[in-house]
Amino acid sequence: MMLSPDQPDSDLPWGQSDAESVMNDIKAGCVSDEALEAEGKTRPAAPQALSREEKRRRRRATAKYRSAHATRERIRVEAFNVAFAELRKLLPTLPPDKKLSKIEILRLAICYISYLNHVLDLLKRKGLGWGAGGVGIGVKSGI
């Protein structure tokens, strides 16, 4: 079917000459709010644009995200504990296998580092430090 500019709208299949009949067709295709309320239903709200924070909150609420986050946290805590265990091996305590809390390990490490700095200062004063011709701590002479 070819359209020409002089063809009336009423001849077209979608054309309506009467504005009232157009409105009736629209109303017939829609369910009124009163009919929905009578059935105890409500019309779903139109989807709104979500804020970045709301999108993040919804994404974090999924089981897949929570599972992945728990796995990442488990790996992080394990690495943290391994680092503390390695630090603990370097610190002198009596008895050597004494169980220490993380805060005790950190405090002991601070004291031990302070002690080692003091030993270095004493060696520097005696001329046995890292200076010209001196031998450093833990370094064999003759290398």
N, C-alpha and C. Protein backbone atom coordinates (compact mmCIF):
# COMPACT_ATOMS: atom_id res chain seq x y z
N MET A 1 0.85 -1.16 0.00
CA MET A 1 0.00 0.00 0.00
C MET A 1 0.89 1.23 0.00
N MET A 2 0.80 2.04 -0.95
CA MET A 2 1.59 3.26 -1.08
C MET A 2 0.84 4.40 -0.41
N LEU A 3 1.58 5.23 0.30
CA LEU A 3 0.96 6.38 0.95
C LEU A 3 1.22 7.61 0.11
N SER A 4 0.20 8.39 0.01
CA SER A 4 0.37 9.65 -0.71
C SER A 4 0.01 10.77 0.24
N PRO A 5 0.57 11.94 0.04
CA PRO A 5 0.31 13.05 0.95
C PRO A 5 -1.15 13.47 0.98
N ASP A 6 -1.88 13.19 -0.08
CA ASP A 6 -3.26 13.64 -0.10
C ASP A 6 -4.23 12.56 0.37
N GLN A 7 -3.73 11.42 0.85
CA GLN A 7 -4.59 10.33 1.33
C GLN A 7 -5.08 10.67 2.73
N PRO A 8 -6.35 10.55 3.02
CA PRO A 8 -6.87 10.88 4.35
C PRO A 8 -6.43 9.84 5.39
N ASP A 9 -6.28 10.31 6.62
CA ASP A 9 -5.86 9.44 7.72
C ASP A 9 -6.88 8.34 8.00
N SER A 10 -8.14 8.59 7.75
CA SER A 10 -9.16 7.60 8.07
C SER A 10 -9.05 6.34 7.22
N ASP A 11 -8.38 6.42 6.07
CA ASP A 11 -8.20 5.24 5.24
C ASP A 11 -7.09 4.33 5.76
N LEU A 12 -6.22 4.87 6.58
CA LEU A 12 -5.11 4.09 7.11
C LEU A 12 -5.60 3.16 8.21
N PRO A 13 -4.99 1.98 8.34
CA PRO A 13 -5.47 1.03 9.34
C PRO A 13 -5.33 1.56 10.76
N TRP A 14 -4.31 2.37 11.03
CA TRP A 14 -4.13 2.87 12.38
C TRP A 14 -4.78 4.23 12.58
N GLY A 15 -5.28 4.79 11.57
CA GLY A 15 -5.84 6.13 11.66
C GLY A 15 -7.19 6.13 12.35
N GLN A 16 -7.46 7.15 13.09
CA GLN A 16 -8.74 7.34 13.77
C GLN A 16 -9.20 8.75 13.49
N SER A 17 -10.42 8.88 13.06
CA SER A 17 -10.92 10.21 12.78
C SER A 17 -11.52 10.83 14.02
N ASP A 18 -11.81 10.03 14.99
CA ASP A 18 -12.49 10.51 16.18
C ASP A 18 -11.55 10.41 17.38
N ALA A 19 -11.29 11.52 18.04
CA ALA A 19 -10.38 11.53 19.18
C ALA A 19 -10.97 10.73 20.33
N GLU A 20 -12.28 10.71 20.47
CA GLU A 20 -12.91 9.97 21.56
C GLU A 20 -12.69 8.47 21.41
N SER A 21 -12.78 7.95 20.17
CA SER A 21 -12.56 6.53 19.97
C SER A 21 -11.11 6.14 20.26
N VAL A 22 -10.18 7.05 19.98
CA VAL A 22 -8.77 6.80 20.31
C VAL A 22 -8.61 6.66 21.82
N MET A 23 -9.25 7.57 22.57
CA MET A 23 -9.15 7.51 24.03
C MET A 23 -9.81 6.24 24.56
N ASN A 24 -10.91 5.83 23.97
CA ASN A 24 -11.57 4.60 24.41
C ASN A 24 -10.69 3.38 24.18
N ASP A 25 -9.99 3.36 23.03
CA ASP A 25 -9.08 2.25 22.77
C ASP A 25 -7.94 2.21 23.79
N ILE A 26 -7.45 3.39 24.14
CA ILE A 26 -6.36 3.45 25.13
C ILE A 26 -6.86 2.97 26.48
N LYS A 27 -8.02 3.43 26.89
CA LYS A 27 -8.58 3.03 28.18
C LYS A 27 -8.89 1.54 28.23
N ALA A 28 -9.34 0.99 27.12
CA ALA A 28 -9.67 -0.44 27.09
C ALA A 28 -8.42 -1.29 27.24
N GLY A 29 -7.31 -0.79 26.75
CA GLY A 29 -6.06 -1.55 26.84
C GLY A 29 -5.40 -1.45 28.19
N CYS A 30 -5.83 -0.53 29.02
CA CYS A 30 -5.22 -0.31 30.34
C CYS A 30 -6.18 -0.77 31.41
N VAL A 31 -5.61 -1.24 32.50
CA VAL A 31 -6.42 -1.60 33.65
C VAL A 31 -6.40 -0.42 34.58
N SER A 32 -7.55 -0.02 35.06
CA SER A 32 -7.62 1.16 35.92
C SER A 32 -7.09 0.82 37.31
N ASP A 33 -6.67 1.88 38.02
CA ASP A 33 -6.18 1.71 39.37
C ASP A 33 -7.27 1.21 40.30
N GLU A 34 -8.54 1.64 40.04
CA GLU A 34 -9.63 1.21 40.89
C GLU A 34 -9.84 -0.30 40.77
N ALA A 35 -9.72 -0.83 39.55
CA ALA A 35 -9.89 -2.27 39.37
C ALA A 35 -8.79 -3.05 40.08
N LEU A 36 -7.58 -2.54 40.03
CA LEU A 36 -6.48 -3.21 40.73
C LEU A 36 -6.68 -3.18 42.23
N GLU A 37 -7.10 -2.01 42.75
CA GLU A 37 -7.31 -1.88 44.19
C GLU A 37 -8.44 -2.78 44.66
N ALA A 38 -9.46 -2.95 43.83
CA ALA A 38 -10.58 -3.82 44.19
C ALA A 38 -10.10 -5.27 44.34
N GLU A 39 -9.11 -5.65 43.55
CA GLU A 39 -8.58 -7.01 43.63
C GLU A 39 -7.50 -7.15 44.69
N GLY A 40 -7.19 -6.06 45.40
CA GLY A 40 -6.17 -6.10 46.44
C GLY A 40 -4.76 -6.01 45.88
N LYS A 41 -4.61 -5.57 44.66
CA LYS A 41 -3.29 -5.44 44.04
C LYS A 41 -2.98 -3.97 43.84
N THR A 42 -1.72 -3.67 43.72
CA THR A 42 -1.32 -2.30 43.41
C THR A 42 -0.45 -2.32 42.16
N ARG A 43 -0.45 -1.21 41.50
CA ARG A 43 0.36 -1.08 40.29
C ARG A 43 1.83 -0.98 40.71
N PRO A 44 2.71 -1.73 40.07
CA PRO A 44 4.14 -1.62 40.43
C PRO A 44 4.65 -0.23 40.12
N ALA A 45 5.51 0.26 40.99
CA ALA A 45 6.07 1.60 40.81
C ALA A 45 6.96 1.61 39.58
N ALA A 46 6.98 2.73 38.94
CA ALA A 46 7.83 2.87 37.76
C ALA A 46 9.29 2.74 38.19
N PRO A 47 10.11 2.04 37.42
CA PRO A 47 11.51 1.88 37.81
C PRO A 47 12.20 3.24 37.84
N GLN A 48 12.85 3.50 38.94
CA GLN A 48 13.55 4.76 39.10
C GLN A 48 15.04 4.53 38.91
N ALA A 49 15.72 5.58 38.53
CA ALA A 49 17.16 5.48 38.39
C ALA A 49 17.76 5.35 39.79
N LEU A 50 18.55 4.31 40.00
CA LEU A 50 19.13 4.06 41.31
C LEU A 50 20.43 4.85 41.47
N SER A 51 20.66 5.29 42.67
CA SER A 51 21.92 5.99 42.94
C SER A 51 23.07 4.99 42.94
N ARG A 52 24.26 5.48 42.85
CA ARG A 52 25.44 4.61 42.85
C ARG A 52 25.50 3.80 44.14
N GLU A 53 25.16 4.46 45.25
CA GLU A 53 25.20 3.78 46.55
C GLU A 53 24.15 2.67 46.62
N GLU A 54 22.96 2.93 46.09
CA GLU A 54 21.89 1.93 46.10
C GLU A 54 22.26 0.74 45.22
N LYS A 55 22.87 1.00 44.07
CA LYS A 55 23.32 -0.09 43.20
C LYS A 55 24.35 -0.94 43.92
N ARG A 56 25.27 -0.27 44.61
CA ARG A 56 26.31 -0.99 45.35
C ARG A 56 25.68 -1.84 46.45
N ARG A 57 24.70 -1.28 47.17
CA ARG A 57 24.04 -2.01 48.23
C ARG A 57 23.33 -3.26 47.70
N ARG A 58 22.63 -3.09 46.57
CA ARG A 58 21.92 -4.23 45.99
C ARG A 58 22.88 -5.31 45.50
N ARG A 59 24.00 -4.88 44.89
CA ARG A 59 24.97 -5.85 44.39
C ARG A 59 25.58 -6.62 45.56
N ARG A 60 25.85 -5.93 46.66
CA ARG A 60 26.45 -6.59 47.82
C ARG A 60 25.48 -7.52 48.53
N ALA A 61 24.21 -7.38 48.25
CA ALA A 61 23.21 -8.21 48.92
C ALA A 61 23.08 -9.58 48.26
N THR A 62 23.70 -9.80 47.12
CA THR A 62 23.56 -11.08 46.44
C THR A 62 24.41 -12.14 47.11
N ALA A 63 23.95 -13.37 47.06
CA ALA A 63 24.68 -14.49 47.67
C ALA A 63 26.04 -14.69 47.01
N LYS A 64 26.09 -14.52 45.70
CA LYS A 64 27.36 -14.69 44.97
C LYS A 64 28.39 -13.68 45.46
N TYR A 65 27.99 -12.42 45.63
CA TYR A 65 28.91 -11.39 46.09
C TYR A 65 29.39 -11.69 47.50
N ARG A 66 28.44 -12.07 48.39
CA ARG A 66 28.81 -12.35 49.78
C ARG A 66 29.78 -13.52 49.87
N SER A 67 29.55 -14.54 49.05
CA SER A 67 30.44 -15.70 49.05
C SER A 67 31.84 -15.32 48.57
N ALA A 68 31.91 -14.52 47.51
CA ALA A 68 33.21 -14.09 46.99
C ALA A 68 33.92 -13.21 48.02
N HIS A 69 33.16 -12.33 48.68
CA HIS A 69 33.75 -11.45 49.68
C HIS A 69 34.28 -12.26 50.86
N ALA A 70 33.53 -13.27 51.29
CA ALA A 70 33.97 -14.11 52.40
C ALA A 70 35.25 -14.85 52.04
N THR A 71 35.35 -15.31 50.79
CA THR A 71 36.57 -15.99 50.34
C THR A 71 37.75 -15.04 50.35
N ARG A 72 37.55 -13.82 49.82
CA ARG A 72 38.65 -12.83 49.83
C ARG A 72 39.08 -12.50 51.25
N GLU A 73 38.12 -12.36 52.16
CA GLU A 73 38.44 -12.03 53.54
C GLU A 73 39.20 -13.18 54.21
N ARG A 74 38.79 -14.42 53.93
CA ARG A 74 39.48 -15.58 54.49
C ARG A 74 40.94 -15.61 54.04
N ILE A 75 41.18 -15.34 52.76
CA ILE A 75 42.55 -15.34 52.21
C ILE A 75 43.36 -14.21 52.85
N ARG A 76 42.73 -13.03 53.03
CA ARG A 76 43.43 -11.90 53.64
C ARG A 76 43.82 -12.20 55.08
N VAL A 77 42.89 -12.78 55.85
CA VAL A 77 43.19 -13.09 57.25
C VAL A 77 44.27 -14.17 57.34
N GLU A 78 44.23 -15.15 56.44
CA GLU A 78 45.25 -16.19 56.45
C GLU A 78 46.64 -15.60 56.16
N ALA A 79 46.73 -14.70 55.19
CA ALA A 79 48.00 -14.05 54.88
C ALA A 79 48.49 -13.22 56.07
N PHE A 80 47.57 -12.56 56.73
CA PHE A 80 47.88 -11.75 57.91
C PHE A 80 48.46 -12.64 59.02
N ASN A 81 47.82 -13.78 59.24
CA ASN A 81 48.29 -14.71 60.28
C ASN A 81 49.65 -15.32 59.93
N VAL A 82 49.88 -15.61 58.66
CA VAL A 82 51.18 -16.14 58.22
C VAL A 82 52.26 -15.10 58.48
N ALA A 83 51.97 -13.83 58.20
CA ALA A 83 52.95 -12.77 58.43
C ALA A 83 53.28 -12.65 59.92
N PHE A 84 52.28 -12.77 60.78
CA PHE A 84 52.54 -12.73 62.22
C PHE A 84 53.36 -13.94 62.67
N ALA A 85 53.09 -15.10 62.11
CA ALA A 85 53.84 -16.30 62.47
C ALA A 85 55.31 -16.16 62.07
N GLU A 86 55.57 -15.57 60.88
CA GLU A 86 56.95 -15.36 60.44
C GLU A 86 57.66 -14.35 61.34
N LEU A 87 56.96 -13.28 61.71
CA LEU A 87 57.54 -12.29 62.62
C LEU A 87 57.83 -12.93 63.97
N ARG A 88 56.93 -13.76 64.44
CA ARG A 88 57.10 -14.43 65.74
C ARG A 88 58.35 -15.31 65.76
N LYS A 89 58.66 -15.96 64.62
CA LYS A 89 59.85 -16.82 64.55
C LYS A 89 61.14 -16.03 64.70
N LEU A 90 61.11 -14.75 64.35
CA LEU A 90 62.31 -13.91 64.42
C LEU A 90 62.55 -13.32 65.80
N LEU A 91 61.59 -13.41 66.68
CA LEU A 91 61.70 -12.77 67.99
C LEU A 91 62.14 -13.77 69.05
N PRO A 92 63.13 -13.38 69.86
CA PRO A 92 63.59 -14.27 70.94
C PRO A 92 62.64 -14.22 72.13
N THR A 93 62.19 -15.39 72.59
CA THR A 93 61.38 -15.48 73.81
C THR A 93 61.80 -16.72 74.57
N LEU A 94 61.51 -16.71 75.84
CA LEU A 94 61.75 -17.89 76.67
C LEU A 94 60.43 -18.30 77.27
N PRO A 95 59.97 -19.47 77.11
CA PRO A 95 60.44 -20.50 76.20
C PRO A 95 60.16 -20.12 74.74
N PRO A 96 60.93 -20.69 73.81
CA PRO A 96 60.81 -20.30 72.40
C PRO A 96 59.46 -20.63 71.77
N ASP A 97 58.76 -21.62 72.30
CA ASP A 97 57.48 -22.00 71.72
C ASP A 97 56.29 -21.37 72.44
N LYS A 98 56.56 -20.35 73.26
CA LYS A 98 55.50 -19.69 74.01
C LYS A 98 54.49 -19.05 73.05
N LYS A 99 53.22 -19.26 73.32
CA LYS A 99 52.15 -18.69 72.49
C LYS A 99 51.99 -17.21 72.86
N LEU A 100 52.06 -16.35 71.85
CA LEU A 100 51.91 -14.91 72.06
C LEU A 100 50.73 -14.40 71.24
N SER A 101 50.04 -13.41 71.80
CA SER A 101 48.96 -12.78 71.04
C SER A 101 49.57 -11.85 70.01
N LYS A 102 48.77 -11.38 69.09
CA LYS A 102 49.27 -10.49 68.04
C LYS A 102 49.80 -9.19 68.63
N ILE A 103 49.14 -8.64 69.61
CA ILE A 103 49.61 -7.40 70.23
C ILE A 103 50.92 -7.64 70.97
N GLU A 104 51.05 -8.82 71.61
CA GLU A 104 52.31 -9.14 72.29
C GLU A 104 53.45 -9.29 71.28
N ILE A 105 53.17 -9.89 70.13
CA ILE A 105 54.18 -10.03 69.08
C ILE A 105 54.64 -8.66 68.62
N LEU A 106 53.69 -7.75 68.38
CA LEU A 106 54.04 -6.40 67.92
C LEU A 106 54.85 -5.65 68.97
N ARG A 107 54.44 -5.72 70.23
CA ARG A 107 55.19 -5.03 71.29
C ARG A 107 56.59 -5.61 71.46
N LEU A 108 56.69 -6.93 71.38
CA LEU A 108 58.00 -7.58 71.49
C LEU A 108 58.89 -7.19 70.30
N ALA A 109 58.30 -7.10 69.11
CA ALA A 109 59.07 -6.70 67.93
C ALA A 109 59.59 -5.27 68.09
N ILE A 110 58.77 -4.38 68.63
CA ILE A 110 59.20 -2.99 68.86
C ILE A 110 60.38 -2.97 69.83
N CYS A 111 60.27 -3.72 70.91
CA CYS A 111 61.35 -3.76 71.91
C CYS A 111 62.62 -4.36 71.31
N TYR A 112 62.48 -5.42 70.53
CA TYR A 112 63.64 -6.09 69.93
C TYR A 112 64.34 -5.18 68.93
N ILE A 113 63.57 -4.48 68.11
CA ILE A 113 64.16 -3.53 67.15
C ILE A 113 64.88 -2.42 67.89
N SER A 114 64.28 -1.94 68.97
CA SER A 114 64.93 -0.90 69.78
C SER A 114 66.24 -1.42 70.37
N TYR A 115 66.23 -2.66 70.87
CA TYR A 115 67.44 -3.27 71.41
C TYR A 115 68.53 -3.40 70.34
N LEU A 116 68.15 -3.84 69.12
CA LEU A 116 69.13 -3.99 68.05
C LEU A 116 69.72 -2.63 67.64
N ASN A 117 68.90 -1.58 67.64
CA ASN A 117 69.42 -0.23 67.37
C ASN A 117 70.41 0.20 68.43
N HIS A 118 70.12 -0.14 69.67
CA HIS A 118 71.03 0.19 70.76
C HIS A 118 72.37 -0.53 70.59
N VAL A 119 72.32 -1.81 70.22
CA VAL A 119 73.55 -2.58 69.98
C VAL A 119 74.35 -1.96 68.84
N LEU A 120 73.69 -1.55 67.77
CA LEU A 120 74.39 -0.90 66.65
C LEU A 120 75.05 0.40 67.10
N ASP A 121 74.36 1.17 67.93
CA ASP A 121 74.94 2.42 68.43
C ASP A 121 76.19 2.15 69.25
N LEU A 122 76.15 1.12 70.08
CA LEU A 122 77.32 0.77 70.89
C LEU A 122 78.50 0.35 70.00
N LEU A 123 78.19 -0.43 68.95
CA LEU A 123 79.26 -0.87 68.05
C LEU A 123 79.86 0.29 67.28
N LYS A 124 79.05 1.26 66.91
CA LYS A 124 79.54 2.44 66.19
C LYS A 124 80.47 3.25 67.09
N ARG A 125 80.14 3.38 68.36
CA ARG A 125 80.96 4.14 69.30
C ARG A 125 82.33 3.48 69.52
N LYS A 126 82.33 2.15 69.47
CA LYS A 126 83.59 1.43 69.67
C LYS A 126 84.39 1.31 68.38
N GLY A 127 83.80 1.76 67.27
CA GLY A 127 84.51 1.67 65.99
C GLY A 127 84.39 0.32 65.33
N LEU A 128 83.44 -0.49 65.76
CA LEU A 128 83.26 -1.81 65.18
C LEU A 128 82.04 -1.88 64.25
N GLY A 129 81.50 -0.74 63.90
CA GLY A 129 80.26 -0.72 63.11
C GLY A 129 80.52 -0.93 61.64
N TRP A 130 79.65 -0.40 60.83
CA TRP A 130 79.66 -0.59 59.38
C TRP A 130 80.65 0.35 58.69
N GLY A 131 81.35 1.19 59.44
CA GLY A 131 82.24 2.20 58.85
C GLY A 131 83.46 1.61 58.17
N ALA A 132 84.43 2.46 57.87
CA ALA A 132 85.64 2.08 57.13
C ALA A 132 86.42 1.01 57.88
N GLY A 133 86.58 -0.13 57.25
CA GLY A 133 87.37 -1.21 57.82
C GLY A 133 86.68 -2.01 58.89
N GLY A 134 85.51 -1.56 59.36
CA GLY A 134 84.79 -2.28 60.41
C GLY A 134 84.02 -3.45 59.84
N VAL A 135 83.70 -4.37 60.72
CA VAL A 135 82.95 -5.55 60.31
C VAL A 135 81.52 -5.37 60.79
N GLY A 136 80.55 -5.60 59.89
CA GLY A 136 79.16 -5.44 60.25
C GLY A 136 78.63 -6.63 61.00
N ILE A 137 77.55 -6.44 61.69
CA ILE A 137 76.92 -7.52 62.44
C ILE A 137 76.35 -8.54 61.46
N GLY A 138 76.64 -9.78 61.71
CA GLY A 138 76.10 -10.84 60.88
C GLY A 138 76.82 -11.01 59.56
N VAL A 139 77.90 -10.28 59.35
CA VAL A 139 78.64 -10.39 58.09
C VAL A 139 79.99 -10.99 58.42
N LYS A 140 80.36 -12.05 57.72
CA LYS A 140 81.66 -12.69 57.94
C LYS A 140 82.75 -11.81 57.37
N SER A 141 83.86 -11.69 58.07
CA SER A 141 84.97 -10.92 57.53
C SER A 141 85.67 -11.72 56.44
N GLY A 142 86.26 -11.02 55.51
CA GLY A 142 86.98 -11.68 54.43
C GLY A 142 86.13 -11.94 53.20
N ILE A 143 84.93 -11.43 53.18
CA ILE A 143 84.09 -11.65 52.00
C ILE A 143 84.33 -10.54 51.01
